[in-house]
C-alpha cells in the first residue's frame, strides 16, 4: 500500500502541471481573440 501512495505522489504533480499548462494556453488564446479589434481583421489574415 505504501508503494502505491508513493507512486501517486510522484505522478500527481506532473498531471497537475500538464493540466495547468493546457489551461493557461487556452486562457492566452482567449485573451488574444478578445484583443482583436474587429472580426473583419481576422478575415483579411486568413
Protein backbone atom coordinates (compact mmCIF):
# COMPACT_ATOMS: atom_id res chain seq x y z
CA UNK A 1 0.00 0.00 0.00
CA UNK A 2 2.84 2.40 0.79
CA UNK A 3 4.35 1.85 -2.66
CA UNK A 4 1.09 2.87 -4.32
CA UNK A 5 0.94 6.06 -2.26
CA UNK A 6 4.48 6.98 -3.34
CA UNK A 7 3.59 6.43 -7.00
CA UNK A 8 0.55 8.68 -6.73
CA UNK A 9 2.53 11.44 -5.02
CA UNK A 10 5.24 11.43 -7.69
CA UNK A 11 2.88 11.26 -10.68
CA UNK A 12 0.20 13.67 -9.50
CA UNK A 13 2.24 16.91 -9.68
CA UNK A 14 3.14 16.08 -13.27
CA UNK A 15 -0.51 15.63 -14.20
CA UNK A 16 -1.46 18.84 -12.43
CA UNK A 17 1.34 20.75 -14.15
CA UNK A 18 0.27 19.40 -17.54
CA UNK A 19 -3.34 20.39 -16.86
CA UNK A 20 -2.30 23.89 -15.78
CA UNK A 21 -0.15 24.32 -18.89
CA UNK A 22 -3.06 23.42 -21.17
CA UNK A 23 -5.41 25.64 -19.18
CA UNK A 24 -3.04 28.62 -19.36
CA UNK A 25 -2.57 28.13 -23.11
CA UNK A 26 -6.34 28.17 -23.58
CA UNK A 27 -6.65 31.35 -21.49
CA UNK A 28 -3.93 33.02 -23.55
CA UNK A 29 -5.72 32.04 -26.77
CA UNK A 30 -8.95 33.58 -25.47
CA UNK A 31 -7.08 36.74 -24.47
CA UNK A 32 -5.60 37.04 -27.96
CA UNK A 33 -9.03 36.59 -29.54
CA UNK A 34 -10.54 39.27 -27.29
CA UNK A 35 -7.78 41.76 -28.17
CA UNK A 36 -8.59 41.67 -31.89
CA UNK A 37 -10.47 44.89 -32.64
CA UNK A 38 -12.80 43.73 -35.42
CA UNK A 39 -13.85 40.38 -36.94
CA UNK A 40 -13.03 41.85 -40.37
CA UNK A 41 -9.33 41.98 -39.44
CA UNK A 42 -9.43 38.20 -38.90
CA UNK A 43 -10.97 37.69 -42.34
CA UNK A 44 -8.18 39.66 -44.02
CA UNK A 45 -5.47 37.48 -42.42
CA UNK A 46 -6.99 34.15 -43.47
